[in-house]
Amino acid sequence: MALEEKREKRPPVTPMMIEEEAALRNGSRGLPPGPWAEAAGPRPRTTERHIAVHKRLVLGFAVSILALLAVTMIAVLLSVRFEECGTAADGPPRAGGNGSLSGTARQPPGAEQPPVRSEEEEEARGGEAAEEEEEEEEEWQRRRELPPWARPRLPRHLRPLHYNLMLNAFMENFTFSGEVNVQLEVRNASRYIVLHAHRMHIEAVRVAEDKLAGGVRVARTFFYPQTQVFVVVLNRSLEVQRSYNLKIIYNALIENELLGFFRSSYVLHGERR
């Protein structure tokens, strides 16, 4: 009878109690169904999503590296091609029939063409010039002095007063032509005009007195590579305290190194200029 009375006093099983027991079995910590139960429930792992994001980042980085390498290789190839073109332009100039550089770009507009000489005349002229050089060297040896073109500094018997320079640059073959007029004052009598020049082709040289008087005849001209000078030898000595005008017409290459009239390049927006 006592057991029967205790059983009768146990509270009745309600639907709420059944739901709580089911929730405990499913791992929802006994919370009733609802937003709180969903928030407190176990969440799915995000490892697979992180791995996918990491794969995308690594793939993007690899693609950017490959693109950078491709751009660098293209730039190197273009640079090598440009240098080859510049080297071809810097090749040795071809001489024409009159010994001048070939091509119309070598001649300045309106410049007078030098007379064309035959091979026999050129040989005879070269032989006479060699004999004159030997005689002059013997003369300076007798004086026990160095000739003015062999000295480390320019001679001081002439003083330049004014320079008038005109240049024409031709970018299609990297050459230029020039004309310079120098007003000279004579301090000491001399028949030599010495000035610096290197890697040039001289087309014409004229010496006139006071620009308006008659010209002084030029006997010959020559380069002296040891001191990088150009020498003008006159038929007579220049008079002291007089002024003369020296005119030189020349052409040369626009160098690809830091020498004289040279060229350089730069890259702007991926284009070499």
C-alpha atoms as a PDB file:
ATOM      1  CA  MET A   1       0.000   0.000   0.000  1.00  0.00           C
ATOM      2  CA  ALA A   2       2.868   2.368   0.809  1.00  0.00           C
ATOM      3  CA  LEU A   3       4.455   1.821  -2.621  1.00  0.00           C
ATOM      4  CA  GLU A   4       1.216   2.421  -4.374  1.00  0.00           C
ATOM      5  CA  GLU A   5       0.749   5.702  -2.536  1.00  0.00           C
ATOM      6  CA  LYS A   6       4.251   6.930  -3.520  1.00  0.00           C
ATOM      7  CA  ARG A   7       3.640   6.150  -7.173  1.00  0.00           C
ATOM      8  CA  GLU A   8       0.447   8.061  -7.121  1.00  0.00           C
ATOM      9  CA  LYS A   9       2.279  11.173  -5.739  1.00  0.00           C
ATOM     10  CA  ARG A  10       4.908  11.297  -8.682  1.00  0.00           C
ATOM     11  CA  PRO A  11       4.109  14.236 -10.935  1.00  0.00           C
ATOM     12  CA  PRO A  12       2.703  13.355 -14.309  1.00  0.00           C
ATOM     13  CA  VAL A  13       5.046  13.286 -17.399  1.00  0.00           C
ATOM     14  CA  THR A  14       4.448  16.349 -19.531  1.00  0.00           C
ATOM     15  CA  PRO A  15       5.428  17.013 -23.183  1.00  0.00           C
ATOM     16  CA  MET A  16       7.947  19.608 -21.952  1.00  0.00           C
ATOM     17  CA  MET A  17       9.755  16.982 -19.953  1.00  0.00           C
ATOM     18  CA  ILE A  18       9.934  14.728 -22.986  1.00  0.00           C
ATOM     19  CA  GLU A  19      11.447  17.524 -25.128  1.00  0.00           C
ATOM     20  CA  GLU A  20      14.042  18.346 -22.469  1.00  0.00           C
ATOM     21  CA  GLU A  21      15.083  14.725 -22.231  1.00  0.00           C
ATOM     22  CA  ALA A  22      15.386  14.489 -26.026  1.00  0.00           C
ATOM     23  CA  ALA A  23      17.454  17.706 -26.081  1.00  0.00           C
ATOM     24  CA  LEU A  24      19.865  16.307 -23.509  1.00  0.00           C
ATOM     25  CA  ARG A  25      20.324  13.201 -25.614  1.00  0.00           C
ATOM     26  CA  ASN A  26      21.024  15.302 -28.783  1.00  0.00           C
ATOM     27  CA  GLY A  27      23.700  17.462 -27.063  1.00  0.00           C
ATOM     28  CA  SER A  28      21.823  20.753 -26.857  1.00  0.00           C
ATOM     29  CA  ARG A  29      22.538  21.028 -23.132  1.00  0.00           C
ATOM     30  CA  GLY A  30      18.871  20.716 -22.203  1.00  0.00           C
ATOM     31  CA  LEU A  31      17.778  24.026 -23.673  1.00  0.00           C
ATOM     32  CA  PRO A  32      14.392  24.156 -25.263  1.00  0.00           C
ATOM     33  CA  PRO A  33      14.260  24.470 -29.023  1.00  0.00           C
ATOM     34  CA  GLY A  34      14.586  28.037 -30.277  1.00  0.00           C
ATOM     35  CA  PRO A  35      17.241  30.632 -31.242  1.00  0.00           C
ATOM     36  CA  TRP A  36      19.160  30.180 -27.972  1.00  0.00           C
ATOM     37  CA  ALA A  37      19.308  26.454 -28.452  1.00  0.00           C
ATOM     38  CA  GLU A  38      20.554  26.863 -32.044  1.00  0.00           C
ATOM     39  CA  ALA A  39      23.255  29.360 -30.940  1.00  0.00           C
ATOM     40  CA  ALA A  40      24.403  27.085 -28.146  1.00  0.00           C
ATOM     41  CA  GLY A  41      24.416  23.976 -30.316  1.00  0.00           C
ATOM     42  CA  PRO A  42      27.587  22.530 -31.941  1.00  0.00           C
ATOM     43  CA  ARG A  43      28.854  24.514 -34.979  1.00  0.00           C
ATOM     44  CA  PRO A  44      30.279  22.906 -38.117  1.00  0.00           C
ATOM     45  CA  ARG A  45      34.040  23.101 -38.576  1.00  0.00           C
ATOM     46  CA  THR A  46      35.408  25.789 -40.969  1.00  0.00           C
ATOM     47  CA  THR A  47      38.754  24.128 -41.846  1.00  0.00           C
ATOM     48  CA  GLU A  48      37.713  23.229 -45.383  1.00  0.00           C
ATOM     49  CA  ARG A  49      36.611  26.824 -46.100  1.00  0.00           C
ATOM     50  CA  HIS A  50      39.930  28.208 -44.806  1.00  0.00           C
ATOM     51  CA  ILE A  51      41.867  25.768 -46.970  1.00  0.00           C
ATOM     52  CA  ALA A  52      39.932  26.893 -50.056  1.00  0.00           C
ATOM     53  CA  VAL A  53      40.661  30.583 -49.304  1.00  0.00           C
ATOM     54  CA  HIS A  54      44.346  29.822 -48.782  1.00  0.00           C
ATOM     55  CA  LYS A  55      44.481  27.943 -52.068  1.00  0.00           C
ATOM     56  CA  ARG A  56      43.021  30.936 -53.896  1.00  0.00           C
ATOM     57  CA  LEU A  57      45.551  33.314 -52.304  1.00  0.00           C
ATOM     58  CA  VAL A  58      48.490  31.066 -53.189  1.00  0.00           C
ATOM     59  CA  LEU A  59      47.199  30.659 -56.752  1.00  0.00           C
ATOM     60  CA  GLY A  60      46.815  34.430 -57.178  1.00  0.00           C
ATOM     61  CA  PHE A  61      50.327  35.045 -55.844  1.00  0.00           C
ATOM     62  CA  ALA A  62      51.788  32.457 -58.211  1.00  0.00           C
ATOM     63  CA  VAL A  63      49.988  34.001 -61.190  1.00  0.00           C
ATOM     64  CA  SER A  64      51.305  37.484 -60.302  1.00  0.00           C
ATOM     65  CA  ILE A  65      54.880  36.134 -60.032  1.00  0.00           C
ATOM     66  CA  LEU A  66      54.593  34.465 -63.440  1.00  0.00           C
ATOM     67  CA  ALA A  67      53.229  37.673 -64.981  1.00  0.00           C
ATOM     68  CA  LEU A  68      56.107  39.693 -63.474  1.00  0.00           C
ATOM     69  CA  LEU A  69      58.656  37.234 -64.873  1.00  0.00           C
ATOM     70  CA  ALA A  70      57.062  37.395 -68.312  1.00  0.00           C
ATOM     71  CA  VAL A  71      57.110  41.221 -68.322  1.00  0.00           C
ATOM     72  CA  THR A  72      60.763  41.213 -67.200  1.00  0.00           C
ATOM     73  CA  MET A  73      61.765  38.817 -69.966  1.00  0.00           C
ATOM     74  CA  ILE A  74      59.981  40.930 -72.582  1.00  0.00           C
ATOM     75  CA  ALA A  75      61.713  44.069 -71.303  1.00  0.00           C
ATOM     76  CA  VAL A  76      65.116  42.358 -71.434  1.00  0.00           C
ATOM     77  CA  LEU A  77      64.518  41.149 -74.981  1.00  0.00           C
ATOM     78  CA  LEU A  78      63.452  44.627 -76.107  1.00  0.00           C
ATOM     79  CA  SER A  79      66.511  46.161 -74.438  1.00  0.00           C
ATOM     80  CA  VAL A  80      68.841  43.677 -76.176  1.00  0.00           C
ATOM     81  CA  ARG A  81      67.146  44.402 -79.496  1.00  0.00           C
ATOM     82  CA  PHE A  82      67.562  48.149 -78.963  1.00  0.00           C
ATOM     83  CA  GLU A  83      71.258  47.735 -78.111  1.00  0.00           C
ATOM     84  CA  GLU A  84      71.775  45.669 -81.271  1.00  0.00           C
ATOM     85  CA  CYS A  85      70.173  48.414 -83.347  1.00  0.00           C
ATOM     86  CA  GLY A  86      72.383  51.015 -81.659  1.00  0.00           C
ATOM     87  CA  THR A  87      75.491  48.910 -82.297  1.00  0.00           C
ATOM     88  CA  ALA A  88      74.556  48.566 -85.946  1.00  0.00           C
ATOM     89  CA  ALA A  89      74.152  52.343 -86.162  1.00  0.00           C
ATOM     90  CA  ASP A  90      77.575  52.823 -84.536  1.00  0.00           C
ATOM     91  CA  GLY A  91      79.354  50.676 -87.088  1.00  0.00           C
ATOM     92  CA  PRO A  92      82.276  52.026 -89.079  1.00  0.00           C
ATOM     93  CA  PRO A  93      81.131  54.676 -91.580  1.00  0.00           C
ATOM     94  CA  ARG A  94      81.466  53.792 -95.211  1.00  0.00           C
ATOM     95  CA  ALA A  95      83.529  56.166 -97.276  1.00  0.00           C
ATOM     96  CA  GLY A  96      82.248  57.523-100.537  1.00  0.00           C
ATOM     97  CA  GLY A  97      84.216  58.423-103.614  1.00  0.00           C
ATOM     98  CA  ASN A  98      85.442  61.685-102.075  1.00  0.00           C
ATOM     99  CA  GLY A  99      86.321  60.122 -98.729  1.00  0.00           C
ATOM    100  CA  SER A 100      83.318  61.629 -96.942  1.00  0.00           C
ATOM    101  CA  LEU A 101      80.767  59.647 -94.977  1.00  0.00           C
ATOM    102  CA  SER A 102      78.077  58.114 -97.143  1.00  0.00           C
ATOM    103  CA  GLY A 103      74.434  59.180 -96.987  1.00  0.00           C
ATOM    104  CA  THR A 104      72.673  62.475 -97.584  1.00  0.00           C
ATOM    105  CA  ALA A 105      72.272  62.974 -93.841  1.00  0.00           C
ATOM    106  CA  ARG A 106      76.018  63.444 -93.538  1.00  0.00           C
ATOM    107  CA  GLN A 107      75.975  66.620 -95.628  1.00  0.00           C
ATOM    108  CA  PRO A 108      74.551  69.828 -94.112  1.00  0.00           C
ATOM    109  CA  PRO A 109      71.971  71.683 -96.205  1.00  0.00           C
ATOM    110  CA  GLY A 110      73.608  74.005 -98.686  1.00  0.00           C
ATOM    111  CA  ALA A 111      77.114  72.684 -98.024  1.00  0.00           C
ATOM    112  CA  GLU A 112      79.509  72.767-100.942  1.00  0.00           C
ATOM    113  CA  GLN A 113      80.601  69.373-102.175  1.00  0.00           C
ATOM    114  CA  PRO A 114      84.391  68.896-102.204  1.00  0.00           C
ATOM    115  CA  PRO A 115      85.920  68.100-105.579  1.00  0.00           C
ATOM    116  CA  VAL A 116      86.250  64.418-106.414  1.00  0.00           C
ATOM    117  CA  ARG A 117      89.845  63.361-106.967  1.00  0.00           C
ATOM    118  CA  SER A 118      91.125  60.268-108.717  1.00  0.00           C
ATOM    119  CA  GLU A 119      93.089  57.574-106.923  1.00  0.00           C
ATOM    120  CA  GLU A 120      96.355  58.738-108.482  1.00  0.00           C
ATOM    121  CA  GLU A 121      95.751  62.293-107.285  1.00  0.00           C
ATOM    122  CA  GLU A 122      94.937  61.052-103.809  1.00  0.00           C
ATOM    123  CA  GLU A 123      98.099  58.943-103.680  1.00  0.00           C
ATOM    124  CA  ALA A 124     100.213  61.841-104.892  1.00  0.00           C
ATOM    125  CA  ARG A 125      98.585  64.171-102.392  1.00  0.00           C
ATOM    126  CA  GLY A 126      99.167  61.669 -99.567  1.00  0.00           C
ATOM    127  CA  GLY A 127     102.806  61.261-100.537  1.00  0.00           C
ATOM    128  CA  GLU A 128     103.378  65.022-100.559  1.00  0.00           C
ATOM    129  CA  ALA A 129     101.683  65.367 -97.160  1.00  0.00           C
ATOM    130  CA  ALA A 130     103.886  62.606 -95.703  1.00  0.00           C
ATOM    131  CA  GLU A 131     107.030  64.319 -97.026  1.00  0.00           C
ATOM    132  CA  GLU A 132     105.921  67.650 -95.558  1.00  0.00           C
ATOM    133  CA  GLU A 133     105.257  66.024 -92.189  1.00  0.00           C
ATOM    134  CA  GLU A 134     108.712  64.485 -92.152  1.00  0.00           C
ATOM    135  CA  GLU A 135     110.321  67.821 -93.022  1.00  0.00           C
ATOM    136  CA  GLU A 136     108.380  69.600 -90.295  1.00  0.00           C
ATOM    137  CA  GLU A 137     109.269  66.947 -87.708  1.00  0.00           C
ATOM    138  CA  GLU A 138     112.958  67.261 -88.665  1.00  0.00           C
ATOM    139  CA  GLU A 139     112.685  71.025 -88.313  1.00  0.00           C
ATOM    140  CA  TRP A 140     111.220  70.754 -84.808  1.00  0.00           C
ATOM    141  CA  GLN A 141     113.862  68.175 -83.888  1.00  0.00           C
ATOM    142  CA  ARG A 142     116.576  70.597 -84.949  1.00  0.00           C
ATOM    143  CA  ARG A 143     114.957  73.183 -82.679  1.00  0.00           C
ATOM    144  CA  ARG A 144     114.878  70.564 -79.935  1.00  0.00           C
ATOM    145  CA  GLU A 145     111.249  71.403 -79.303  1.00  0.00           C
ATOM    146  CA  LEU A 146     108.017  69.501 -79.480  1.00  0.00           C
ATOM    147  CA  PRO A 147     105.707  70.512 -82.334  1.00  0.00           C
ATOM    148  CA  PRO A 148     102.618  72.412 -81.146  1.00  0.00           C
ATOM    149  CA  TRP A 149     100.315  69.451 -81.846  1.00  0.00           C
ATOM    150  CA  ALA A 150     102.406  67.041 -79.737  1.00  0.00           C
ATOM    151  CA  ARG A 151     102.272  69.137 -76.583  1.00  0.00           C
ATOM    152  CA  PRO A 152      99.860  68.234 -73.770  1.00  0.00           C
ATOM    153  CA  ARG A 153      98.219  71.688 -73.867  1.00  0.00           C
ATOM    154  CA  LEU A 154      97.096  73.810 -76.785  1.00  0.00           C
ATOM    155  CA  PRO A 155      99.562  76.493 -77.910  1.00  0.00           C
ATOM    156  CA  ARG A 156      98.906  80.062 -76.770  1.00  0.00           C
ATOM    157  CA  HIS A 157      99.838  81.884 -79.955  1.00  0.00           C
ATOM    158  CA  LEU A 158      96.109  82.099 -80.802  1.00  0.00           C
ATOM    159  CA  ARG A 159      93.271  83.312 -78.594  1.00  0.00           C
ATOM    160  CA  PRO A 160      89.633  82.480 -79.465  1.00  0.00           C
ATOM    161  CA  LEU A 161      87.325  85.473 -79.134  1.00  0.00           C
ATOM    162  CA  HIS A 162      83.976  84.087 -80.283  1.00  0.00           C
ATOM    163  CA  TYR A 163      82.417  80.792 -81.379  1.00  0.00           C
ATOM    164  CA  ASN A 164      79.444  80.437 -83.714  1.00  0.00           C
ATOM    165  CA  LEU A 165      78.308  76.801 -83.845  1.00  0.00           C
ATOM    166  CA  MET A 166      75.547  75.187 -85.900  1.00  0.00           C
ATOM    167  CA  LEU A 167      74.573  71.504 -85.576  1.00  0.00           C
ATOM    168  CA  ASN A 168      72.143  69.313 -87.507  1.00  0.00           C
ATOM    169  CA  ALA A 169      71.269  66.000 -85.838  1.00  0.00           C
ATOM    170  CA  PHE A 170      69.877  63.068 -87.825  1.00  0.00           C
ATOM    171  CA  MET A 171      68.196  60.566 -85.517  1.00  0.00           C
ATOM    172  CA  GLU A 172      67.411  57.987 -88.196  1.00  0.00           C
ATOM    173  CA  ASN A 173      71.074  56.932 -88.368  1.00  0.00           C
ATOM    174  CA  PHE A 174      72.486  58.726 -85.291  1.00  0.00           C
ATOM    175  CA  THR A 175      74.770  61.128 -87.164  1.00  0.00           C
ATOM    176  CA  PHE A 176      75.179  64.874 -87.163  1.00  0.00           C
ATOM    177  CA  SER A 177      76.783  67.569 -89.282  1.00  0.00           C
ATOM    178  CA  GLY A 178      78.241  70.781 -87.959  1.00  0.00           C
ATOM    179  CA  GLU A 179      79.716  74.090 -88.955  1.00  0.00           C
ATOM    180  CA  VAL A 180      81.768  76.231 -86.604  1.00  0.00           C
ATOM    181  CA  ASN A 181      83.153  79.742 -87.115  1.00  0.00           C
ATOM    182  CA  VAL A 182      85.818  80.842 -84.657  1.00  0.00           C
ATOM    183  CA  GLN A 183      87.136  84.391 -84.426  1.00  0.00           C
ATOM    184  CA  LEU A 184      90.843  84.201 -83.564  1.00  0.00           C
ATOM    185  CA  GLU A 185      93.238  86.810 -82.233  1.00  0.00           C
ATOM    186  CA  VAL A 186      96.925  86.272 -83.092  1.00  0.00           C
ATOM    187  CA  ARG A 187      99.340  86.807 -80.211  1.00  0.00           C
ATOM    188  CA  ASN A 188     102.443  85.255 -81.771  1.00  0.00           C
ATOM    189  CA  ALA A 189     103.082  84.693 -85.449  1.00  0.00           C
ATOM    190  CA  SER A 190     102.553  81.086 -86.508  1.00  0.00           C
ATOM    191  CA  ARG A 191     101.397  79.108 -89.505  1.00  0.00           C
ATOM    192  CA  TYR A 192      99.751  76.383 -87.394  1.00  0.00           C
ATOM    193  CA  ILE A 193      96.230  76.337 -85.981  1.00  0.00           C
ATOM    194  CA  VAL A 194      95.759  73.572 -83.399  1.00  0.00           C
ATOM    195  CA  LEU A 195      92.399  72.711 -81.803  1.00  0.00           C
ATOM    196  CA  HIS A 196      90.877  69.709 -80.103  1.00  0.00           C
ATOM    197  CA  ALA A 197      88.955  67.237 -82.280  1.00  0.00           C
ATOM    198  CA  HIS A 198      88.344  63.486 -82.119  1.00  0.00           C
ATOM    199  CA  ARG A 199      86.388  60.947 -84.174  1.00  0.00           C
ATOM    200  CA  MET A 200      85.305  63.526 -86.741  1.00  0.00           C
ATOM    201  CA  HIS A 201      85.380  63.791 -90.501  1.00  0.00           C
ATOM    202  CA  ILE A 202      86.471  67.229 -91.693  1.00  0.00           C
ATOM    203  CA  GLU A 203      84.901  68.260 -94.983  1.00  0.00           C
ATOM    204  CA  ALA A 204      86.273  71.757 -95.441  1.00  0.00           C
ATOM    205  CA  VAL A 205      88.533  74.272 -93.674  1.00  0.00           C
ATOM    206  CA  ARG A 206      88.768  77.965 -94.520  1.00  0.00           C
ATOM    207  CA  VAL A 207      90.755  80.786 -92.927  1.00  0.00           C
ATOM    208  CA  ALA A 208      89.901  84.399 -93.725  1.00  0.00           C
ATOM    209  CA  GLU A 209      91.203  87.698 -92.386  1.00  0.00           C
ATOM    210  CA  ASP A 210      88.596  89.807 -90.566  1.00  0.00           C
ATOM    211  CA  LYS A 211      85.829  87.775 -92.268  1.00  0.00           C
ATOM    212  CA  LEU A 212      85.805  90.240 -95.204  1.00  0.00           C
ATOM    213  CA  ALA A 213      89.380  90.299 -96.455  1.00  0.00           C
ATOM    214  CA  GLY A 214      90.925  87.686 -98.688  1.00  0.00           C
ATOM    215  CA  GLY A 215      91.389  84.168 -97.394  1.00  0.00           C
ATOM    216  CA  VAL A 216      94.605  82.581 -96.213  1.00  0.00           C
ATOM    217  CA  ARG A 217      95.435  79.481 -98.188  1.00  0.00           C
ATOM    218  CA  VAL A 218      95.392  76.205 -96.256  1.00  0.00           C
ATOM    219  CA  ALA A 219      98.341  73.997 -97.164  1.00  0.00           C
ATOM    220  CA  ARG A 220      97.082  70.838 -95.492  1.00  0.00           C
ATOM    221  CA  THR A 221      95.269  69.486 -92.460  1.00  0.00           C
ATOM    222  CA  PHE A 222      95.777  66.374 -90.360  1.00  0.00           C
ATOM    223  CA  PHE A 223      94.695  64.693 -87.140  1.00  0.00           C
ATOM    224  CA  TYR A 224      97.130  63.853 -84.369  1.00  0.00           C
ATOM    225  CA  PRO A 225      95.436  61.043 -82.374  1.00  0.00           C
ATOM    226  CA  GLN A 226      98.050  60.987 -79.587  1.00  0.00           C
ATOM    227  CA  THR A 227      96.782  64.319 -78.227  1.00  0.00           C
ATOM    228  CA  GLN A 228      93.355  64.252 -79.980  1.00  0.00           C
ATOM    229  CA  VAL A 229      93.912  67.462 -81.919  1.00  0.00           C
ATOM    230  CA  PHE A 230      93.269  68.687 -85.450  1.00  0.00           C
ATOM    231  CA  VAL A 231      96.023  70.725 -87.107  1.00  0.00           C
ATOM    232  CA  VAL A 232      95.591  73.311 -89.867  1.00  0.00           C
ATOM    233  CA  VAL A 233      98.832  74.139 -91.672  1.00  0.00           C
ATOM    234  CA  LEU A 234      98.807  77.467 -93.562  1.00  0.00           C
ATOM    235  CA  ASN A 235     100.951  78.643 -96.449  1.00  0.00           C
ATOM    236  CA  ARG A 236     102.042  81.709 -94.495  1.00  0.00           C
ATOM    237  CA  SER A 237     102.190  82.835 -90.905  1.00  0.00           C
ATOM    238  CA  LEU A 238      99.336  84.747 -89.351  1.00  0.00           C
ATOM    239  CA  GLU A 239     100.180  88.332 -88.501  1.00  0.00           C
ATOM    240  CA  VAL A 240     100.406  89.456 -84.895  1.00  0.00           C
ATOM    241  CA  GLN A 241      97.596  91.557 -83.423  1.00  0.00           C
ATOM    242  CA  ARG A 242      95.285  90.727 -86.278  1.00  0.00           C
ATOM    243  CA  SER A 243      92.057  88.741 -86.101  1.00  0.00           C
ATOM    244  CA  TYR A 244      91.089  85.902 -88.412  1.00  0.00           C
ATOM    245  CA  ASN A 245      88.014  83.769 -88.940  1.00  0.00           C
ATOM    246  CA  LEU A 246      88.383  79.992 -88.950  1.00  0.00           C
ATOM    247  CA  LYS A 247      85.530  78.032 -90.564  1.00  0.00           C
ATOM    248  CA  ILE A 248      85.292  74.249 -90.313  1.00  0.00           C
ATOM    249  CA  ILE A 249      82.579  72.026 -91.821  1.00  0.00           C
ATOM    250  CA  TYR A 250      82.479  68.516 -90.411  1.00  0.00           C
ATOM    251  CA  ASN A 251      80.295  65.489 -89.642  1.00  0.00           C
ATOM    252  CA  ALA A 252      80.464  62.551 -87.239  1.00  0.00           C
ATOM    253  CA  LEU A 253      78.521  59.868 -85.398  1.00  0.00           C
ATOM    254  CA  ILE A 254      76.360  60.580 -82.374  1.00  0.00           C
ATOM    255  CA  GLU A 255      78.300  58.381 -79.991  1.00  0.00           C
ATOM    256  CA  ASN A 256      76.806  55.623 -77.860  1.00  0.00           C
ATOM    257  CA  GLU A 257      79.206  56.379 -74.999  1.00  0.00           C
ATOM    258  CA  LEU A 258      80.082  59.383 -72.863  1.00  0.00           C
ATOM    259  CA  LEU A 259      82.207  61.028 -75.532  1.00  0.00           C
ATOM    260  CA  GLY A 260      81.597  64.251 -77.418  1.00  0.00           C
ATOM    261  CA  PHE A 261      78.085  64.521 -78.837  1.00  0.00           C
ATOM    262  CA  PHE A 262      76.525  61.344 -77.407  1.00  0.00           C
ATOM    263  CA  ARG A 263      73.058  59.887 -76.980  1.00  0.00           C
ATOM    264  CA  SER A 264      71.275  58.248 -74.072  1.00  0.00           C
ATOM    265  CA  SER A 265      67.841  56.694 -73.510  1.00  0.00           C
ATOM    266  CA  TYR A 266      65.211  56.296 -70.807  1.00  0.00           C
ATOM    267  CA  VAL A 267      62.061  54.227 -70.277  1.00  0.00           C
ATOM    268  CA  LEU A 268      58.685  55.924 -69.846  1.00  0.00           C
ATOM    269  CA  HIS A 269      55.475  53.877 -69.430  1.00  0.00           C
ATOM    270  CA  GLY A 270      57.320  50.787 -70.644  1.00  0.00           C
ATOM    271  CA  GLU A 271      58.551  52.496 -73.813  1.00  0.00           C
ATOM    272  CA  ARG A 272      62.234  53.230 -74.473  1.00  0.00           C
ATOM    273  CA  ARG A 273      62.797  56.751 -75.705  1.00  0.00           C
END
